[in-house]
PDB file of N, CA and C in Angstrom:
ATOM      1  N   UNK A   1      96.010 130.793  72.229  1.00  0.00           N
ATOM      2  CA  UNK A   1      95.390 129.503  72.401  1.00  0.00           C
ATOM      3  C   UNK A   1      96.483 128.438  72.493  1.00  0.00           C
ATOM      4  N   UNK A   2      96.362 127.564  73.442  1.00  0.00           N
ATOM      5  CA  UNK A   2      97.345 126.509  73.663  1.00  0.00           C
ATOM      6  C   UNK A   2      96.948 125.275  72.875  1.00  0.00           C
ATOM      7  N   UNK A   3      97.889 124.752  72.094  1.00  0.00           N
ATOM      8  CA  UNK A   3      97.662 123.517  71.351  1.00  0.00           C
ATOM      9  C   UNK A   3      98.628 122.465  71.869  1.00  0.00           C
ATOM     10  N   UNK A   4      98.092 121.364  72.241  1.00  0.00           N
ATOM     11  CA  UNK A   4      98.932 120.263  72.699  1.00  0.00           C
ATOM     12  C   UNK A   4      99.559 119.589  71.485  1.00  0.00           C
ATOM     13  N   UNK A   5     100.875 119.442  71.513  1.00  0.00           N
ATOM     14  CA  UNK A   5     101.563 118.775  70.408  1.00  0.00           C
ATOM     15  C   UNK A   5     101.293 117.283  70.452  1.00  0.00           C
ATOM     16  N   UNK A   6     101.083 116.721  69.294  1.00  0.00           N
ATOM     17  CA  UNK A   6     100.906 115.276  69.218  1.00  0.00           C
ATOM     18  C   UNK A   6     102.271 114.612  69.240  1.00  0.00           C
ATOM     19  N   UNK A   7     102.319 113.506  69.917  1.00  0.00           N
ATOM     20  CA  UNK A   7     103.566 112.749  69.913  1.00  0.00           C
ATOM     21  C   UNK A   7     103.700 112.041  68.577  1.00  0.00           C
ATOM     22  N   UNK A   8     104.912 112.000  68.070  1.00  0.00           N
ATOM     23  CA  UNK A   8     105.181 111.354  66.795  1.00  0.00           C
ATOM     24  C   UNK A   8     105.717 109.960  67.062  1.00  0.00           C
ATOM     25  N   UNK A   9     105.126 108.983  66.398  1.00  0.00           N
ATOM     26  CA  UNK A   9     105.562 107.585  66.520  1.00  0.00           C
ATOM     27  C   UNK A   9     105.493 107.068  67.950  1.00  0.00           C
ATOM     28  N   UNK A  10     104.569 107.594  68.743  1.00  0.00           N
ATOM     29  CA  UNK A  10     104.372 107.150  70.122  1.00  0.00           C
ATOM     30  C   UNK A  10     105.615 107.315  70.990  1.00  0.00           C
ATOM     31  N   UNK A  11     106.470 108.235  70.643  1.00  0.00           N
ATOM     32  CA  UNK A  11     107.660 108.482  71.447  1.00  0.00           C
ATOM     33  C   UNK A  11     107.295 109.470  72.543  1.00  0.00           C
ATOM     34  N   UNK A  12     107.807 109.243  73.728  1.00  0.00           N
ATOM     35  CA  UNK A  12     107.517 110.175  74.807  1.00  0.00           C
ATOM     36  C   UNK A  12     108.443 111.379  74.696  1.00  0.00           C
ATOM     37  N   UNK A  13     107.959 112.503  75.160  1.00  0.00           N
ATOM     38  CA  UNK A  13     108.768 113.718  75.137  1.00  0.00           C
ATOM     39  C   UNK A  13     109.455 113.871  76.483  1.00  0.00           C
ATOM     40  N   UNK A  14     110.633 114.407  76.458  1.00  0.00           N
ATOM     41  CA  UNK A  14     111.376 114.629  77.687  1.00  0.00           C
ATOM     42  C   UNK A  14     110.889 115.920  78.335  1.00  0.00           C
ATOM     43  N   UNK A  15     110.803 115.943  79.659  1.00  0.00           N
ATOM     44  CA  UNK A  15     110.400 117.181  80.331  1.00  0.00           C
ATOM     45  C   UNK A  15     111.354 118.315  79.980  1.00  0.00           C
ATOM     46  N   UNK A  16     110.808 119.461  79.676  1.00  0.00           N
ATOM     47  CA  UNK A  16     111.613 120.625  79.350  1.00  0.00           C
ATOM     48  C   UNK A  16     112.099 120.667  77.922  1.00  0.00           C
ATOM     49  N   UNK A  17     111.795 119.671  77.146  1.00  0.00           N
ATOM     50  CA  UNK A  17     112.236 119.638  75.752  1.00  0.00           C
ATOM     51  C   UNK A  17     111.366 120.591  74.946  1.00  0.00           C
ATOM     52  N   UNK A  18     111.995 121.544  74.282  1.00  0.00           N
ATOM     53  CA  UNK A  18     111.261 122.537  73.508  1.00  0.00           C
ATOM     54  C   UNK A  18     110.863 121.976  72.161  1.00  0.00           C
ATOM     55  N   UNK A  19     111.788 121.322  71.485  1.00  0.00           N
ATOM     56  CA  UNK A  19     111.516 120.766  70.169  1.00  0.00           C
ATOM     57  C   UNK A  19     111.568 119.250  70.247  1.00  0.00           C
ATOM     58  N   UNK A  20     110.669 118.640  69.535  1.00  0.00           N
ATOM     59  CA  UNK A  20     110.649 117.183  69.477  1.00  0.00           C
ATOM     60  C   UNK A  20     111.205 116.762  68.125  1.00  0.00           C
ATOM     61  N   UNK A  21     112.276 116.005  68.141  1.00  0.00           N
ATOM     62  CA  UNK A  21     112.895 115.552  66.903  1.00  0.00           C
ATOM     63  C   UNK A  21     112.361 114.157  66.592  1.00  0.00           C
ATOM     64  N   UNK A  22     111.587 114.020  65.513  1.00  0.00           N
ATOM     65  CA  UNK A  22     111.058 112.698  65.190  1.00  0.00           C
ATOM     66  C   UNK A  22     112.149 111.776  64.658  1.00  0.00           C
ATOM     67  N   UNK A  23     112.005 110.515  64.935  1.00  0.00           N
ATOM     68  CA  UNK A  23     112.923 109.537  64.367  1.00  0.00           C
ATOM     69  C   UNK A  23     112.225 108.844  63.212  1.00  0.00           C
ATOM     70  N   UNK A  24     112.997 108.248  62.373  1.00  0.00           N
ATOM     71  CA  UNK A  24     112.422 107.492  61.269  1.00  0.00           C
ATOM     72  C   UNK A  24     112.028 106.125  61.805  1.00  0.00           C
ATOM     73  N   UNK A  25     110.757 105.884  61.848  1.00  0.00           N
ATOM     74  CA  UNK A  25     110.203 104.703  62.504  1.00  0.00           C
ATOM     75  C   UNK A  25     110.753 103.387  61.959  1.00  0.00           C
ATOM     76  N   UNK A  26     111.008 103.291  60.687  1.00  0.00           N
ATOM     77  CA  UNK A  26     111.415 102.023  60.104  1.00  0.00           C
ATOM     78  C   UNK A  26     112.906 101.765  60.078  1.00  0.00           C
ATOM     79  N   UNK A  27     113.707 102.645  60.648  1.00  0.00           N
ATOM     80  CA  UNK A  27     115.158 102.495  60.547  1.00  0.00           C
ATOM     81  C   UNK A  27     115.657 101.244  61.268  1.00  0.00           C
ATOM     82  N   UNK A  28     115.271 101.045  62.505  1.00  0.00           N
ATOM     83  CA  UNK A  28     115.825  99.925  63.277  1.00  0.00           C
ATOM     84  C   UNK A  28     115.386  98.572  62.712  1.00  0.00           C
ATOM     85  N   UNK A  29     114.083  98.351  62.430  1.00  0.00           N
ATOM     86  CA  UNK A  29     113.728  97.059  61.828  1.00  0.00           C
ATOM     87  C   UNK A  29     114.428  96.819  60.489  1.00  0.00           C
ATOM     88  N   UNK A  30     114.539  97.856  59.681  1.00  0.00           N
ATOM     89  CA  UNK A  30     115.217  97.717  58.392  1.00  0.00           C
ATOM     90  C   UNK A  30     116.695  97.403  58.605  1.00  0.00           C
ATOM     91  N   UNK A  31     117.318  98.061  59.569  1.00  0.00           N
ATOM     92  CA  UNK A  31     118.726  97.800  59.869  1.00  0.00           C
ATOM     93  C   UNK A  31     118.920  96.363  60.347  1.00  0.00           C
ATOM     94  N   UNK A  32     118.026  95.884  61.203  1.00  0.00           N
ATOM     95  CA  UNK A  32     118.125  94.504  61.700  1.00  0.00           C
ATOM     96  C   UNK A  32     118.025  93.515  60.542  1.00  0.00           C
ATOM     97  N   UNK A  33     117.040  93.717  59.672  1.00  0.00           N
ATOM     98  CA  UNK A  33     116.884  92.809  58.532  1.00  0.00           C
ATOM     99  C   UNK A  33     118.103  92.853  57.615  1.00  0.00           C
ATOM    100  N   UNK A  34     118.683  94.038  57.444  1.00  0.00           N
ATOM    101  CA  UNK A  34     119.865  94.137  56.576  1.00  0.00           C
ATOM    102  C   UNK A  34     121.059  93.410  57.191  1.00  0.00           C
ATOM    103  N   UNK A  35     121.139  93.400  58.518  1.00  0.00           N
ATOM    104  CA  UNK A  35     122.253  92.724  59.190  1.00  0.00           C
ATOM    105  C   UNK A  35     122.202  91.209  59.011  1.00  0.00           C
ATOM    106  N   UNK A  36     120.999  90.649  58.946  1.00  0.00           N
ATOM    107  CA  UNK A  36     120.902  89.186  58.831  1.00  0.00           C
ATOM    108  C   UNK A  36     120.622  88.732  57.397  1.00  0.00           C
ATOM    109  N   UNK A  37     120.656  89.675  56.466  1.00  0.00           N
ATOM    110  CA  UNK A  37     120.373  89.340  55.066  1.00  0.00           C
ATOM    111  C   UNK A  37     121.359  88.304  54.524  1.00  0.00           C
ATOM    112  N   UNK A  38     122.631  88.486  54.783  1.00  0.00           N
ATOM    113  CA  UNK A  38     123.655  87.607  54.224  1.00  0.00           C
ATOM    114  C   UNK A  38     124.148  86.539  55.197  1.00  0.00           C
ATOM    115  N   UNK A  39     123.951  86.788  56.495  1.00  0.00           N
ATOM    116  CA  UNK A  39     124.486  85.855  57.486  1.00  0.00           C
ATOM    117  C   UNK A  39     123.588  85.855  58.723  1.00  0.00           C
ATOM    118  N   UNK A  40     123.069  84.700  59.120  1.00  0.00           N
ATOM    119  CA  UNK A  40     122.268  84.624  60.346  1.00  0.00           C
ATOM    120  C   UNK A  40     123.087  85.115  61.544  1.00  0.00           C
ATOM    121  N   UNK A  41     122.398  85.637  62.555  1.00  0.00           N
ATOM    122  CA  UNK A  41     123.107  86.185  63.711  1.00  0.00           C
ATOM    123  C   UNK A  41     122.295  85.996  64.987  1.00  0.00           C
ATOM    124  N   UNK A  42     122.990  86.005  66.106  1.00  0.00           N
ATOM    125  CA  UNK A  42     122.380  85.955  67.432  1.00  0.00           C
ATOM    126  C   UNK A  42     121.944  87.364  67.824  1.00  0.00           C
ATOM    127  N   UNK A  43     121.048  87.455  68.793  1.00  0.00           N
ATOM    128  CA  UNK A  43     120.567  88.750  69.259  1.00  0.00           C
ATOM    129  C   UNK A  43     121.683  89.669  69.724  1.00  0.00           C
ATOM    130  N   UNK A  44     122.649  89.125  70.455  1.00  0.00           N
ATOM    131  CA  UNK A  44     123.765  89.937  70.928  1.00  0.00           C
ATOM    132  C   UNK A  44     124.612  90.482  69.792  1.00  0.00           C
ATOM    133  N   UNK A  45     124.804  89.672  68.763  1.00  0.00           N
ATOM    134  CA  UNK A  45     125.552  90.128  67.585  1.00  0.00           C
ATOM    135  C   UNK A  45     124.793  91.242  66.868  1.00  0.00           C
ATOM    136  N   UNK A  46     123.481  91.084  66.774  1.00  0.00           N
ATOM    137  CA  UNK A  46     122.651  92.106  66.128  1.00  0.00           C
ATOM    138  C   UNK A  46     122.726  93.402  66.922  1.00  0.00           C
ATOM    139  N   UNK A  47     122.601  93.301  68.245  1.00  0.00           N
ATOM    140  CA  UNK A  47     122.692  94.468  69.127  1.00  0.00           C
ATOM    141  C   UNK A  47     124.010  95.210  68.902  1.00  0.00           C
ATOM    142  N   UNK A  48     125.116  94.479  68.903  1.00  0.00           N
ATOM    143  CA  UNK A  48     126.434  95.103  68.744  1.00  0.00           C
ATOM    144  C   UNK A  48     126.607  95.694  67.350  1.00  0.00           C
ATOM    145  N   UNK A  49     126.134  94.996  66.330  1.00  0.00           N
ATOM    146  CA  UNK A  49     126.266  95.484  64.954  1.00  0.00           C
ATOM    147  C   UNK A  49     125.449  96.746  64.711  1.00  0.00           C
ATOM    148  N   UNK A  50     124.298  96.865  65.370  1.00  0.00           N
ATOM    149  CA  UNK A  50     123.507  98.094  65.229  1.00  0.00           C
ATOM    150  C   UNK A  50     124.316  99.297  65.696  1.00  0.00           C
ATOM    151  N   UNK A  51     125.071  99.111  66.773  1.00  0.00           N
ATOM    152  CA  UNK A  51     125.918 100.192  67.280  1.00  0.00           C
ATOM    153  C   UNK A  51     127.124 100.411  66.380  1.00  0.00           C
ATOM    154  N   UNK A  52     127.830  99.342  66.060  1.00  0.00           N
ATOM    155  CA  UNK A  52     129.084  99.454  65.311  1.00  0.00           C
ATOM    156  C   UNK A  52     128.883  99.920  63.874  1.00  0.00           C
ATOM    157  N   UNK A  53     127.922  99.338  63.187  1.00  0.00           N
ATOM    158  CA  UNK A  53     127.743  99.610  61.763  1.00  0.00           C
ATOM    159  C   UNK A  53     126.889 100.845  61.489  1.00  0.00           C
ATOM    160  N   UNK A  54     125.833 101.034  62.288  1.00  0.00           N
ATOM    161  CA  UNK A  54     124.880 102.113  62.009  1.00  0.00           C
ATOM    162  C   UNK A  54     124.892 103.236  63.043  1.00  0.00           C
ATOM    163  N   UNK A  55     125.601 103.055  64.145  1.00  0.00           N
ATOM    164  CA  UNK A  55     125.605 104.070  65.188  1.00  0.00           C
ATOM    165  C   UNK A  55     124.280 104.173  65.922  1.00  0.00           C
ATOM    166  N   UNK A  56     123.482 103.108  65.883  1.00  0.00           N
ATOM    167  CA  UNK A  56     122.175 103.110  66.543  1.00  0.00           C
ATOM    168  C   UNK A  56     122.315 102.527  67.942  1.00  0.00           C
ATOM    169  N   UNK A  57     121.944 103.308  68.934  1.00  0.00           N
ATOM    170  CA  UNK A  57     121.992 102.829  70.308  1.00  0.00           C
ATOM    171  C   UNK A  57     120.572 102.513  70.745  1.00  0.00           C
ATOM    172  N   UNK A  58     120.278 101.233  70.774  1.00  0.00           N
ATOM    173  CA  UNK A  58     118.953 100.755  71.140  1.00  0.00           C
ATOM    174  C   UNK A  58     119.122  99.817  72.325  1.00  0.00           C
ATOM    175  N   UNK A  59     118.274  99.956  73.330  1.00  0.00           N
ATOM    176  CA  UNK A  59     118.369  99.110  74.517  1.00  0.00           C
ATOM    177  C   UNK A  59     118.188  97.638  74.146  1.00  0.00           C
ATOM    178  N   UNK A  60     118.946  96.777  74.809  1.00  0.00           N
ATOM    179  CA  UNK A  60     118.860  95.340  74.527  1.00  0.00           C
ATOM    180  C   UNK A  60     117.429  94.802  74.595  1.00  0.00           C
ATOM    181  N   UNK A  61     116.655  95.140  75.644  1.00  0.00           N
ATOM    182  CA  UNK A  61     115.284  94.604  75.689  1.00  0.00           C
ATOM    183  C   UNK A  61     114.450  95.022  74.477  1.00  0.00           C
ATOM    184  N   UNK A  62     114.679  96.220  73.979  1.00  0.00           N
ATOM    185  CA  UNK A  62     113.947  96.693  72.802  1.00  0.00           C
ATOM    186  C   UNK A  62     114.321  95.850  71.584  1.00  0.00           C
ATOM    187  N   UNK A  63     115.594  95.523  71.455  1.00  0.00           N
ATOM    188  CA  UNK A  63     116.053  94.694  70.337  1.00  0.00           C
ATOM    189  C   UNK A  63     115.387  93.323  70.396  1.00  0.00           C
ATOM    190  N   UNK A  64     115.361  92.713  71.583  1.00  0.00           N
ATOM    191  CA  UNK A  64     114.777  91.378  71.690  1.00  0.00           C
ATOM    192  C   UNK A  64     113.269  91.401  71.447  1.00  0.00           C
ATOM    193  N   UNK A  65     112.587  92.452  71.871  1.00  0.00           N
ATOM    194  CA  UNK A  65     111.155  92.581  71.561  1.00  0.00           C
ATOM    195  C   UNK A  65     110.951  92.739  70.058  1.00  0.00           C
ATOM    196  N   UNK A  66     111.822  93.522  69.417  1.00  0.00           N
ATOM    197  CA  UNK A  66     111.731  93.714  67.971  1.00  0.00           C
ATOM    198  C   UNK A  66     111.990  92.398  67.230  1.00  0.00           C
ATOM    199  N   UNK A  67     112.982  91.642  67.669  1.00  0.00           N
ATOM    200  CA  UNK A  67     113.273  90.356  67.033  1.00  0.00           C
ATOM    201  C   UNK A  67     112.067  89.423  67.112  1.00  0.00           C
ATOM    202  N   UNK A  68     111.421  89.378  68.273  1.00  0.00           N
ATOM    203  CA  UNK A  68     110.222  88.537  68.426  1.00  0.00           C
ATOM    204  C   UNK A  68     109.107  89.017  67.497  1.00  0.00           C
ATOM    205  N   UNK A  69     108.936  90.344  67.407  1.00  0.00           N
ATOM    206  CA  UNK A  69     107.877  90.900  66.553  1.00  0.00           C
ATOM    207  C   UNK A  69     108.149  90.592  65.079  1.00  0.00           C
ATOM    208  N   UNK A  70     109.387  90.761  64.643  1.00  0.00           N
ATOM    209  CA  UNK A  70     109.741  90.457  63.255  1.00  0.00           C
ATOM    210  C   UNK A  70     109.525  88.975  62.953  1.00  0.00           C
ATOM    211  N   UNK A  71     109.832  88.129  63.927  1.00  0.00           N
ATOM    212  CA  UNK A  71     109.611  86.694  63.736  1.00  0.00           C
ATOM    213  C   UNK A  71     108.112  86.384  63.693  1.00  0.00           C
ATOM    214  N   UNK A  72     107.351  86.989  64.571  1.00  0.00           N
ATOM    215  CA  UNK A  72     105.899  86.782  64.609  1.00  0.00           C
ATOM    216  C   UNK A  72     105.248  87.181  63.289  1.00  0.00           C
ATOM    217  N   UNK A  73     105.793  88.199  62.632  1.00  0.00           N
ATOM    218  CA  UNK A  73     105.254  88.671  61.355  1.00  0.00           C
ATOM    219  C   UNK A  73     105.832  87.909  60.159  1.00  0.00           C
ATOM    220  N   UNK A  74     106.657  86.913  60.424  1.00  0.00           N
ATOM    221  CA  UNK A  74     107.175  86.070  59.354  1.00  0.00           C
ATOM    222  C   UNK A  74     108.316  86.673  58.560  1.00  0.00           C
ATOM    223  N   UNK A  75     108.969  87.706  59.102  1.00  0.00           N
ATOM    224  CA  UNK A  75     110.061  88.361  58.388  1.00  0.00           C
ATOM    225  C   UNK A  75     111.412  87.721  58.685  1.00  0.00           C
ATOM    226  N   UNK A  76     111.451  86.918  59.740  1.00  0.00           N
ATOM    227  CA  UNK A  76     112.652  86.166  60.094  1.00  0.00           C
ATOM    228  C   UNK A  76     112.221  84.914  60.844  1.00  0.00           C
ATOM    229  N   UNK A  77     113.111  83.969  60.912  1.00  0.00           N
ATOM    230  CA  UNK A  77     112.883  82.766  61.713  1.00  0.00           C
ATOM    231  C   UNK A  77     114.081  82.600  62.639  1.00  0.00           C
ATOM    232  N   UNK A  78     113.845  81.909  63.747  1.00  0.00           N
ATOM    233  CA  UNK A  78     114.956  81.655  64.659  1.00  0.00           C
ATOM    234  C   UNK A  78     115.087  80.155  64.887  1.00  0.00           C
ATOM    235  N   UNK A  79     116.307  79.749  65.117  1.00  0.00           N
ATOM    236  CA  UNK A  79     116.608  78.371  65.490  1.00  0.00           C
ATOM    237  C   UNK A  79     117.505  78.430  66.718  1.00  0.00           C
ATOM    238  N   UNK A  80     117.450  77.381  67.508  1.00  0.00           N
ATOM    239  CA  UNK A  80     118.305  77.343  68.685  1.00  0.00           C
ATOM    240  C   UNK A  80     119.697  76.881  68.286  1.00  0.00           C
ATOM    241  N   UNK A  81     120.687  77.644  68.686  1.00  0.00           N
ATOM    242  CA  UNK A  81     122.086  77.304  68.450  1.00  0.00           C
ATOM    243  C   UNK A  81     122.620  76.752  69.767  1.00  0.00           C
ATOM    244  N   UNK A  82     122.798  75.440  69.809  1.00  0.00           N
ATOM    245  CA  UNK A  82     123.242  74.786  71.039  1.00  0.00           C
ATOM    246  C   UNK A  82     124.722  74.447  70.896  1.00  0.00           C
ATOM    247  N   UNK A  83     125.511  74.992  71.813  1.00  0.00           N
ATOM    248  CA  UNK A  83     126.950  74.759  71.792  1.00  0.00           C
ATOM    249  C   UNK A  83     127.330  73.909  72.993  1.00  0.00           C
ATOM    250  N   UNK A  84     128.512  73.306  72.926  1.00  0.00           N
ATOM    251  CA  UNK A  84     128.955  72.468  74.038  1.00  0.00           C
ATOM    252  C   UNK A  84     129.152  73.287  75.302  1.00  0.00           C
ATOM    253  N   UNK A  85     129.646  74.499  75.158  1.00  0.00           N
ATOM    254  CA  UNK A  85     129.824  75.356  76.330  1.00  0.00           C
ATOM    255  C   UNK A  85     128.946  76.591  76.172  1.00  0.00           C
ATOM    256  N   UNK A  86     128.412  77.055  77.261  1.00  0.00           N
ATOM    257  CA  UNK A  86     127.570  78.243  77.230  1.00  0.00           C
ATOM    258  C   UNK A  86     126.110  77.898  76.965  1.00  0.00           C
ATOM    259  N   UNK A  87     125.258  78.878  77.178  1.00  0.00           N
ATOM    260  CA  UNK A  87     123.820  78.640  77.004  1.00  0.00           C
ATOM    261  C   UNK A  87     123.420  78.564  75.530  1.00  0.00           C
ATOM    262  N   UNK A  88     122.290  77.926  75.284  1.00  0.00           N
ATOM    263  CA  UNK A  88     121.728  77.903  73.929  1.00  0.00           C
ATOM    264  C   UNK A  88     121.283  79.321  73.579  1.00  0.00           C
ATOM    265  N   UNK A  89     121.464  79.693  72.319  1.00  0.00           N
ATOM    266  CA  UNK A  89     121.068  81.031  71.872  1.00  0.00           C
ATOM    267  C   UNK A  89     120.269  80.905  70.586  1.00  0.00           C
ATOM    268  N   UNK A  90     119.369  81.863  70.395  1.00  0.00           N
ATOM    269  CA  UNK A  90     118.603  81.890  69.150  1.00  0.00           C
ATOM    270  C   UNK A  90     119.448  82.516  68.051  1.00  0.00           C
ATOM    271  N   UNK A  91     119.392  81.922  66.876  1.00  0.00           N
ATOM    272  CA  UNK A  91     120.063  82.473  65.708  1.00  0.00           C
ATOM    273  C   UNK A  91     118.966  82.866  64.731  1.00  0.00           C
ATOM    274  N   UNK A  92     119.002  84.108  64.265  1.00  0.00           N
ATOM    275  CA  UNK A  92     117.947  84.665  63.418  1.00  0.00           C
ATOM    276  C   UNK A  92     118.364  84.671  61.954  1.00  0.00           C
ATOM    277  N   UNK A  93     117.431  84.245  61.090  1.00  0.00           N
ATOM    278  CA  UNK A  93     117.640  84.179  59.648  1.00  0.00           C
ATOM    279  C   UNK A  93     116.483  84.883  58.957  1.00  0.00           C
ATOM    280  N   UNK A  94     116.781  85.678  57.941  1.00  0.00           N
ATOM    281  CA  UNK A  94     115.742  86.404  57.215  1.00  0.00           C
ATOM    282  C   UNK A  94     114.953  85.431  56.328  1.00  0.00           C
ATOM    283  N   UNK A  95     113.666  85.720  56.122  1.00  0.00           N
ATOM    284  CA  UNK A  95     112.809  84.916  55.245  1.00  0.00           C
ATOM    285  C   UNK A  95     112.617  85.651  53.916  1.00  0.00           C
ATOM    286  N   UNK A  96     111.942  84.998  52.974  1.00  0.00           N
ATOM    287  CA  UNK A  96     111.627  85.652  51.694  1.00  0.00           C
ATOM    288  C   UNK A  96     110.775  86.898  51.931  1.00  0.00           C
ATOM    289  N   UNK A  97     109.782  86.791  52.824  1.00  0.00           N
ATOM    290  CA  UNK A  97     108.966  87.963  53.159  1.00  0.00           C
ATOM    291  C   UNK A  97     109.828  89.049  53.797  1.00  0.00           C
ATOM    292  N   UNK A  98     110.806  88.625  54.594  1.00  0.00           N
ATOM    293  CA  UNK A  98     111.720  89.577  55.209  1.00  0.00           C
ATOM    294  C   UNK A  98     112.561  90.310  54.182  1.00  0.00           C
ATOM    295  N   UNK A  99     113.019  89.590  53.161  1.00  0.00           N
ATOM    296  CA  UNK A  99     113.792  90.225  52.082  1.00  0.00           C
ATOM    297  C   UNK A  99     112.942  91.251  51.343  1.00  0.00           C
ATOM    298  N   UNK A 100     111.691  90.905  51.089  1.00  0.00           N
ATOM    299  CA  UNK A 100     110.792  91.839  50.416  1.00  0.00           C
ATOM    300  C   UNK A 100     110.548  93.074  51.289  1.00  0.00           C
ATOM    301  N   UNK A 101     110.339  92.835  52.581  1.00  0.00           N
ATOM    302  CA  UNK A 101     110.132  93.944  53.519  1.00  0.00           C
ATOM    303  C   UNK A 101     111.385  94.817  53.607  1.00  0.00           C
ATOM    304  N   UNK A 102     112.547  94.193  53.602  1.00  0.00           N
ATOM    305  CA  UNK A 102     113.817  94.931  53.628  1.00  0.00           C
ATOM    306  C   UNK A 102     113.936  95.828  52.405  1.00  0.00           C
ATOM    307  N   UNK A 103     113.668  95.290  51.232  1.00  0.00           N
ATOM    308  CA  UNK A 103     113.760  96.089  50.005  1.00  0.00           C
ATOM    309  C   UNK A 103     112.783  97.254  50.025  1.00  0.00           C
ATOM    310  N   UNK A 104     111.558  97.016  50.505  1.00  0.00           N
ATOM    311  CA  UNK A 104     110.577  98.101  50.627  1.00  0.00           C
ATOM    312  C   UNK A 104     111.068  99.160  51.616  1.00  0.00           C
ATOM    313  N   UNK A 105     111.627  98.696  52.738  1.00  0.00           N
ATOM    314  CA  UNK A 105     112.137  99.622  53.746  1.00  0.00           C
ATOM    315  C   UNK A 105     113.289 100.460  53.228  1.00  0.00           C
ATOM    316  N   UNK A 106     114.180  99.839  52.457  1.00  0.00           N
ATOM    317  CA  UNK A 106     115.309 100.581  51.886  1.00  0.00           C
ATOM    318  C   UNK A 106     114.827 101.629  50.890  1.00  0.00           C
ATOM    319  N   UNK A 107     113.827 101.293  50.095  1.00  0.00           N
ATOM    320  CA  UNK A 107     113.258 102.272  49.152  1.00  0.00           C
ATOM    321  C   UNK A 107     112.644 103.446  49.905  1.00  0.00           C
ATOM    322  N   UNK A 108     111.912 103.160  50.969  1.00  0.00           N
ATOM    323  CA  UNK A 108     111.318 104.228  51.774  1.00  0.00           C
ATOM    324  C   UNK A 108     112.390 105.117  52.386  1.00  0.00           C
ATOM    325  N   UNK A 109     113.471 104.499  52.866  1.00  0.00           N
ATOM    326  CA  UNK A 109     114.553 105.280  53.459  1.00  0.00           C
ATOM    327  C   UNK A 109     115.263 106.139  52.421  1.00  0.00           C
ATOM    328  N   UNK A 110     115.400 105.634  51.201  1.00  0.00           N
ATOM    329  CA  UNK A 110     116.007 106.438  50.130  1.00  0.00           C
ATOM    330  C   UNK A 110     115.168 107.681  49.859  1.00  0.00           C
ATOM    331  N   UNK A 111     113.851 107.511  49.813  1.00  0.00           N
ATOM    332  CA  UNK A 111     112.961 108.654  49.589  1.00  0.00           C
ATOM    333  C   UNK A 111     113.042 109.631  50.756  1.00  0.00           C
ATOM    334  N   UNK A 112     113.047 109.099  51.978  1.00  0.00           N
ATOM    335  CA  UNK A 112     113.141 109.959  53.154  1.00  0.00           C
ATOM    336  C   UNK A 112     114.475 110.691  53.176  1.00  0.00           C
ATOM    337  N   UNK A 113     115.553 110.002  52.804  1.00  0.00           N
ATOM    338  CA  UNK A 113     116.875 110.614  52.770  1.00  0.00           C
ATOM    339  C   UNK A 113     116.913 111.782  51.789  1.00  0.00           C
ATOM    340  N   UNK A 114     116.299 111.589  50.638  1.00  0.00           N
ATOM    341  CA  UNK A 114     116.255 112.660  49.641  1.00  0.00           C
ATOM    342  C   UNK A 114     115.517 113.874  50.199  1.00  0.00           C
ATOM    343  N   UNK A 115     114.387 113.628  50.842  1.00  0.00           N
ATOM    344  CA  UNK A 115     113.607 114.726  51.420  1.00  0.00           C
ATOM    345  C   UNK A 115     114.384 115.428  52.531  1.00  0.00           C
ATOM    346  N   UNK A 116     115.063 114.656  53.365  1.00  0.00           N
ATOM    347  CA  UNK A 116     115.841 115.243  54.461  1.00  0.00           C
ATOM    348  C   UNK A 116     116.991 116.073  53.910  1.00  0.00           C
ATOM    349  N   UNK A 117     117.680 115.558  52.897  1.00  0.00           N
ATOM    350  CA  UNK A 117     118.783 116.308  52.297  1.00  0.00           C
ATOM    351  C   UNK A 117     118.299 117.631  51.712  1.00  0.00           C
ATOM    352  N   UNK A 118     117.145 117.619  51.078  1.00  0.00           N
ATOM    353  CA  UNK A 118     116.578 118.864  50.546  1.00  0.00           C
ATOM    354  C   UNK A 118     116.236 119.803  51.694  1.00  0.00           C
ATOM    355  N   UNK A 119     115.636 119.244  52.740  1.00  0.00           N
ATOM    356  CA  UNK A 119     115.227 120.049  53.890  1.00  0.00           C
ATOM    357  C   UNK A 119     116.409 120.736  54.566  1.00  0.00           C
ATOM    358  N   UNK A 120     117.507 120.025  54.711  1.00  0.00           N
ATOM    359  CA  UNK A 120     118.661 120.626  55.392  1.00  0.00           C
ATOM    360  C   UNK A 120     119.577 121.365  54.437  1.00  0.00           C
ATOM    361  N   UNK A 121     119.212 121.396  53.160  1.00  0.00           N
ATOM    362  CA  UNK A 121     119.931 122.230  52.213  1.00  0.00           C
ATOM    363  C   UNK A 121     121.136 121.616  51.557  1.00  0.00           C
ATOM    364  N   UNK A 122     121.289 120.299  51.632  1.00  0.00           N
ATOM    365  CA  UNK A 122     122.441 119.668  50.995  1.00  0.00           C
ATOM    366  C   UNK A 122     122.251 119.510  49.499  1.00  0.00           C
ATOM    367  N   UNK A 123     121.002 119.440  49.054  1.00  0.00           N
ATOM    368  CA  UNK A 123     120.719 119.306  47.629  1.00  0.00           C
ATOM    369  C   UNK A 123     119.676 120.346  47.254  1.00  0.00           C
ATOM    370  N   UNK A 124     119.708 120.761  46.024  1.00  0.00           N
ATOM    371  CA  UNK A 124     118.711 121.706  45.531  1.00  0.00           C
ATOM    372  C   UNK A 124     117.480 120.940  45.067  1.00  0.00           C
ATOM    373  N   UNK A 125     116.319 121.523  45.303  1.00  0.00           N
ATOM    374  CA  UNK A 125     115.059 120.884  44.896  1.00  0.00           C
ATOM    375  C   UNK A 125     114.920 120.877  43.393  1.00  0.00           C
TER     376      UNK A 125
END
């Protein structure tokens, strides 16, 4: 009997892919919030820091959609940074709700990390 596999986290499967490796859905939003926790940043800075600090390669349009969504949910606010030269850019700052969401996300990731380490055999149950 053929069973169609459900997609995890609405991720599309690649043609010919035998195994689907799920990603941790909350990693990128949590990483973004952690990046602006201590210092506000522009979208381009956030994009680069995700790669440099966390090794996360996320397309720029996805980052900007995520930034808008986080702002819409009240987890961050943006202000226009207008400089004498160059275009105006949005600078993102975390809110109190964002800090709470970040702490919750970090706790969830700690639990997931423990489970993953047990699963791959790095720690004994």
